[in-house]
PDB file of N, CA and C in Angstrom:
ATOM      1  N   VAL A   1      30.026   4.201  11.343  1.00  0.00           N
ATOM      2  CA  VAL A   1      31.221   4.851  11.325  1.00  0.00           C
ATOM      3  C   VAL A   1      30.995   6.178  11.863  1.00  0.00           C
ATOM      4  N   VAL A   2      31.742   6.531  13.012  1.00  0.00           N
ATOM      5  CA  VAL A   2      31.670   7.849  13.513  1.00  0.00           C
ATOM      6  C   VAL A   2      33.198   8.478  13.742  1.00  0.00           C
ATOM      7  N   ASP A   3      33.443   9.442  13.089  1.00  0.00           N
ATOM      8  CA  ASP A   3      34.809   9.947  13.071  1.00  0.00           C
ATOM      9  C   ASP A   3      35.875   8.935  12.928  1.00  0.00           C
ATOM     10  N   SER A   4      35.741   8.167  11.835  1.00  0.00           N
ATOM     11  CA  SER A   4      36.708   7.145  11.368  1.00  0.00           C
ATOM     12  C   SER A   4      36.713   5.898  12.359  1.00  0.00           C
ATOM     13  N   THR A   5      35.835   5.787  13.276  1.00  0.00           N
ATOM     14  CA  THR A   5      35.863   4.552  14.152  1.00  0.00           C
ATOM     15  C   THR A   5      34.581   3.788  13.839  1.00  0.00           C
ATOM     16  N   ASN A   6      34.707   2.474  13.600  1.00  0.00           N
ATOM     17  CA  ASN A   6      33.662   1.451  13.290  1.00  0.00           C
ATOM     18  C   ASN A   6      32.997   1.071  14.595  1.00  0.00           C
ATOM     19  N   TYR A   7      31.679   0.984  14.640  1.00  0.00           N
ATOM     20  CA  TYR A   7      30.875   0.495  15.759  1.00  0.00           C
ATOM     21  C   TYR A   7      29.986  -0.540  15.174  1.00  0.00           C
ATOM     22  N   VAL A   8      29.870  -1.601  15.870  1.00  0.00           N
ATOM     23  CA  VAL A   8      28.880  -2.713  15.527  1.00  0.00           C
ATOM     24  C   VAL A   8      27.768  -2.669  16.528  1.00  0.00           C
ATOM     25  N   LEU A   9      26.472  -2.390  16.014  1.00  0.00           N
ATOM     26  CA  LEU A   9      25.393  -2.360  16.878  1.00  0.00           C
ATOM     27  C   LEU A   9      24.566  -3.729  16.624  1.00  0.00           C
ATOM     28  N   LYS A  10      23.967  -3.989  17.777  1.00  0.00           N
ATOM     29  CA  LYS A  10      23.063  -5.296  17.664  1.00  0.00           C
ATOM     30  C   LYS A  10      21.585  -4.748  17.898  1.00  0.00           C
ATOM     31  N   ALA A  11      20.623  -5.655  17.652  1.00  0.00           N
ATOM     32  CA  ALA A  11      19.217  -5.274  17.946  1.00  0.00           C
ATOM     33  C   ALA A  11      18.940  -4.817  19.327  1.00  0.00           C
ATOM     34  N   GLY A  12      18.350  -3.671  19.526  1.00  0.00           N
ATOM     35  CA  GLY A  12      18.132  -3.146  20.813  1.00  0.00           C
ATOM     36  C   GLY A  12      19.204  -2.024  21.239  1.00  0.00           C
ATOM     37  N   ASP A  13      20.283  -1.989  20.529  1.00  0.00           N
ATOM     38  CA  ASP A  13      21.322  -1.109  21.020  1.00  0.00           C
ATOM     39  C   ASP A  13      21.013   0.356  20.559  1.00  0.00           C
ATOM     40  N   SER A  14      21.533   1.303  21.205  1.00  0.00           N
ATOM     41  CA  SER A  14      21.375   2.814  20.964  1.00  0.00           C
ATOM     42  C   SER A  14      22.815   3.359  21.071  1.00  0.00           C
ATOM     43  N   PHE A  15      22.895   4.670  20.543  1.00  0.00           N
ATOM     44  CA  PHE A  15      24.231   5.351  20.645  1.00  0.00           C
ATOM     45  C   PHE A  15      23.922   6.711  20.440  1.00  0.00           C
ATOM     46  N   ALA A  16      24.931   7.608  20.836  1.00  0.00           N
ATOM     47  CA  ALA A  16      24.801   9.018  20.664  1.00  0.00           C
ATOM     48  C   ALA A  16      26.087   9.575  20.201  1.00  0.00           C
ATOM     49  N   PHE A  17      26.175  10.670  19.457  1.00  0.00           N
ATOM     50  CA  PHE A  17      27.476  11.246  19.000  1.00  0.00           C
ATOM     51  C   PHE A  17      27.136  12.595  18.633  1.00  0.00           C
ATOM     52  N   LYS A  18      28.138  13.528  18.540  1.00  0.00           N
ATOM     53  CA  LYS A  18      27.960  14.821  18.064  1.00  0.00           C
ATOM     54  C   LYS A  18      27.961  14.780  16.574  1.00  0.00           C
ATOM     55  N   SER A  19      26.776  15.263  15.970  1.00  0.00           N
ATOM     56  CA  SER A  19      26.303  15.289  14.600  1.00  0.00           C
ATOM     57  C   SER A  19      27.313  16.016  13.705  1.00  0.00           C
ATOM     58  N   THR A  20      28.169  16.848  14.426  1.00  0.00           N
ATOM     59  CA  THR A  20      29.171  17.530  13.554  1.00  0.00           C
ATOM     60  C   THR A  20      30.382  16.622  12.991  1.00  0.00           C
ATOM     61  N   LEU A  21      30.521  15.479  13.687  1.00  0.00           N
ATOM     62  CA  LEU A  21      31.484  14.470  13.366  1.00  0.00           C
ATOM     63  C   LEU A  21      31.030  13.818  12.083  1.00  0.00           C
ATOM     64  N   LEU A  22      32.000  13.441  11.245  1.00  0.00           N
ATOM     65  CA  LEU A  22      31.903  12.601  10.089  1.00  0.00           C
ATOM     66  C   LEU A  22      31.127  11.300  10.430  1.00  0.00           C
ATOM     67  N   HIS A  23      30.077  10.906   9.698  1.00  0.00           N
ATOM     68  CA  HIS A  23      29.358   9.774  10.274  1.00  0.00           C
ATOM     69  C   HIS A  23      28.739   9.057   9.017  1.00  0.00           C
ATOM     70  N   ALA A  24      28.529   7.765   9.094  1.00  0.00           N
ATOM     71  CA  ALA A  24      27.861   7.015   8.075  1.00  0.00           C
ATOM     72  C   ALA A  24      27.329   5.823   8.696  1.00  0.00           C
ATOM     73  N   PHE A  25      26.158   5.154   7.877  1.00  0.00           N
ATOM     74  CA  PHE A  25      25.653   3.932   8.386  1.00  0.00           C
ATOM     75  C   PHE A  25      25.710   2.958   7.349  1.00  0.00           C
ATOM     76  N   ARG A  26      25.929   1.709   7.626  1.00  0.00           N
ATOM     77  CA  ARG A  26      25.989   0.671   6.633  1.00  0.00           C
ATOM     78  C   ARG A  26      25.490  -0.561   7.353  1.00  0.00           C
ATOM     79  N   ASN A  27      24.665  -1.440   6.677  1.00  0.00           N
ATOM     80  CA  ASN A  27      24.216  -2.687   7.100  1.00  0.00           C
ATOM     81  C   ASN A  27      24.978  -3.746   6.291  1.00  0.00           C
ATOM     82  N   PRO A  28      26.029  -4.504   6.933  1.00  0.00           N
ATOM     83  CA  PRO A  28      26.805  -5.474   6.181  1.00  0.00           C
ATOM     84  C   PRO A  28      26.125  -6.865   6.011  1.00  0.00           C
ATOM     85  N   GLY A  29      25.033  -6.934   6.782  1.00  0.00           N
ATOM     86  CA  GLY A  29      24.420  -8.280   6.824  1.00  0.00           C
ATOM     87  C   GLY A  29      23.424  -8.561   5.691  1.00  0.00           C
ATOM     88  N   ALA A  30      23.062  -9.676   5.446  1.00  0.00           N
ATOM     89  CA  ALA A  30      22.057 -10.052   4.425  1.00  0.00           C
ATOM     90  C   ALA A  30      20.647  -9.769   4.820  1.00  0.00           C
ATOM     91  N   GLU A  31      20.298  -9.781   6.141  1.00  0.00           N
ATOM     92  CA  GLU A  31      18.920  -9.355   6.563  1.00  0.00           C
ATOM     93  C   GLU A  31      18.637  -7.971   6.598  1.00  0.00           C
ATOM     94  N   ARG A  32      17.420  -7.603   6.360  1.00  0.00           N
ATOM     95  CA  ARG A  32      16.975  -6.273   6.305  1.00  0.00           C
ATOM     96  C   ARG A  32      17.041  -5.621   7.709  1.00  0.00           C
ATOM     97  N   CYS A  33      17.646  -4.441   7.843  1.00  0.00           N
ATOM     98  CA  CYS A  33      17.529  -3.923   9.184  1.00  0.00           C
ATOM     99  C   CYS A  33      16.646  -2.545   9.218  1.00  0.00           C
ATOM    100  N   GLN A  34      16.275  -2.247  10.504  1.00  0.00           N
ATOM    101  CA  GLN A  34      15.454  -0.926  10.697  1.00  0.00           C
ATOM    102  C   GLN A  34      16.181  -0.028  11.617  1.00  0.00           C
ATOM    103  N   ILE A  35      16.173   1.097  11.242  1.00  0.00           N
ATOM    104  CA  ILE A  35      17.009   2.133  12.112  1.00  0.00           C
ATOM    105  C   ILE A  35      15.971   3.346  12.343  1.00  0.00           C
ATOM    106  N   LEU A  36      16.019   3.930  13.539  1.00  0.00           N
ATOM    107  CA  LEU A  36      15.307   5.113  13.948  1.00  0.00           C
ATOM    108  C   LEU A  36      16.430   6.104  14.261  1.00  0.00           C
ATOM    109  N   TRP A  37      16.627   7.156  13.516  1.00  0.00           N
ATOM    110  CA  TRP A  37      17.577   8.151  13.489  1.00  0.00           C
ATOM    111  C   TRP A  37      17.075   9.435  13.964  1.00  0.00           C
ATOM    112  N   VAL A  38      17.344   9.859  15.183  1.00  0.00           N
ATOM    113  CA  VAL A  38      16.747  11.179  15.687  1.00  0.00           C
ATOM    114  C   VAL A  38      17.790  12.196  15.948  1.00  0.00           C
ATOM    115  N   ASN A  39      17.523  13.420  15.438  1.00  0.00           N
ATOM    116  CA  ASN A  39      18.586  14.592  15.702  1.00  0.00           C
ATOM    117  C   ASN A  39      17.790  15.558  16.504  1.00  0.00           C
ATOM    118  N   THR A  40      18.518  16.047  17.543  1.00  0.00           N
ATOM    119  CA  THR A  40      17.870  17.153  18.424  1.00  0.00           C
ATOM    120  C   THR A  40      18.880  18.263  18.459  1.00  0.00           C
ATOM    121  N   THR A  41      18.309  19.287  18.980  1.00  0.00           N
ATOM    122  CA  THR A  41      19.187  20.440  19.505  1.00  0.00           C
ATOM    123  C   THR A  41      19.121  20.622  20.963  1.00  0.00           C
ATOM    124  N   LYS A  42      20.032  21.337  21.379  1.00  0.00           N
ATOM    125  CA  LYS A  42      20.081  21.610  22.910  1.00  0.00           C
ATOM    126  C   LYS A  42      18.834  22.589  23.024  1.00  0.00           C
ATOM    127  N   PRO A  43      18.192  22.373  24.266  1.00  0.00           N
ATOM    128  CA  PRO A  43      17.040  23.374  24.551  1.00  0.00           C
ATOM    129  C   PRO A  43      17.385  24.935  24.266  1.00  0.00           C
ATOM    130  N   SER A  44      18.610  25.263  24.582  1.00  0.00           N
ATOM    131  CA  SER A  44      19.010  26.653  24.338  1.00  0.00           C
ATOM    132  C   SER A  44      19.073  27.147  23.032  1.00  0.00           C
ATOM    133  N   GLU A  45      19.200  26.047  21.945  1.00  0.00           N
ATOM    134  CA  GLU A  45      19.225  26.387  20.557  1.00  0.00           C
ATOM    135  C   GLU A  45      17.892  26.293  19.858  1.00  0.00           C
ATOM    136  N   VAL A  46      16.808  25.975  20.608  1.00  0.00           N
ATOM    137  CA  VAL A  46      15.502  26.059  19.884  1.00  0.00           C
ATOM    138  C   VAL A  46      14.983  27.330  19.861  1.00  0.00           C
ATOM    139  N   ARG A  47      14.547  27.711  18.690  1.00  0.00           N
ATOM    140  CA  ARG A  47      13.882  29.131  18.411  1.00  0.00           C
ATOM    141  C   ARG A  47      12.483  29.032  18.481  1.00  0.00           C
ATOM    142  N   ASP A  48      11.740  30.015  18.845  1.00  0.00           N
ATOM    143  CA  ASP A  48      10.309  30.204  18.822  1.00  0.00           C
ATOM    144  C   ASP A  48       9.784  30.053  17.386  1.00  0.00           C
ATOM    145  N   GLY A  49       8.811  29.182  17.173  1.00  0.00           N
ATOM    146  CA  GLY A  49       8.148  28.946  15.969  1.00  0.00           C
ATOM    147  C   GLY A  49       9.063  28.018  15.061  1.00  0.00           C
ATOM    148  N   ALA A  50      10.063  27.441  15.535  1.00  0.00           N
ATOM    149  CA  ALA A  50      10.897  26.542  14.689  1.00  0.00           C
ATOM    150  C   ALA A  50      10.271  25.262  14.847  1.00  0.00           C
TER     151      ALA A  50
END
C-alpha cells in the first residue's frame, strides 16, 4: 500500500515511490516471501562523513 493505493507485486517486480508517502507492506499469501527494501537520498542531500 502506498498512499492508500494497493499494489500487487509478483516475483521479480520492482517499484519506487516517495518515502514521505504513507506506505506499508503485507504478504497475503501462505508462502514465505523475501523483499529487498532500499532507501536512498538524492546526491545533493548526501553529507560528507554520512
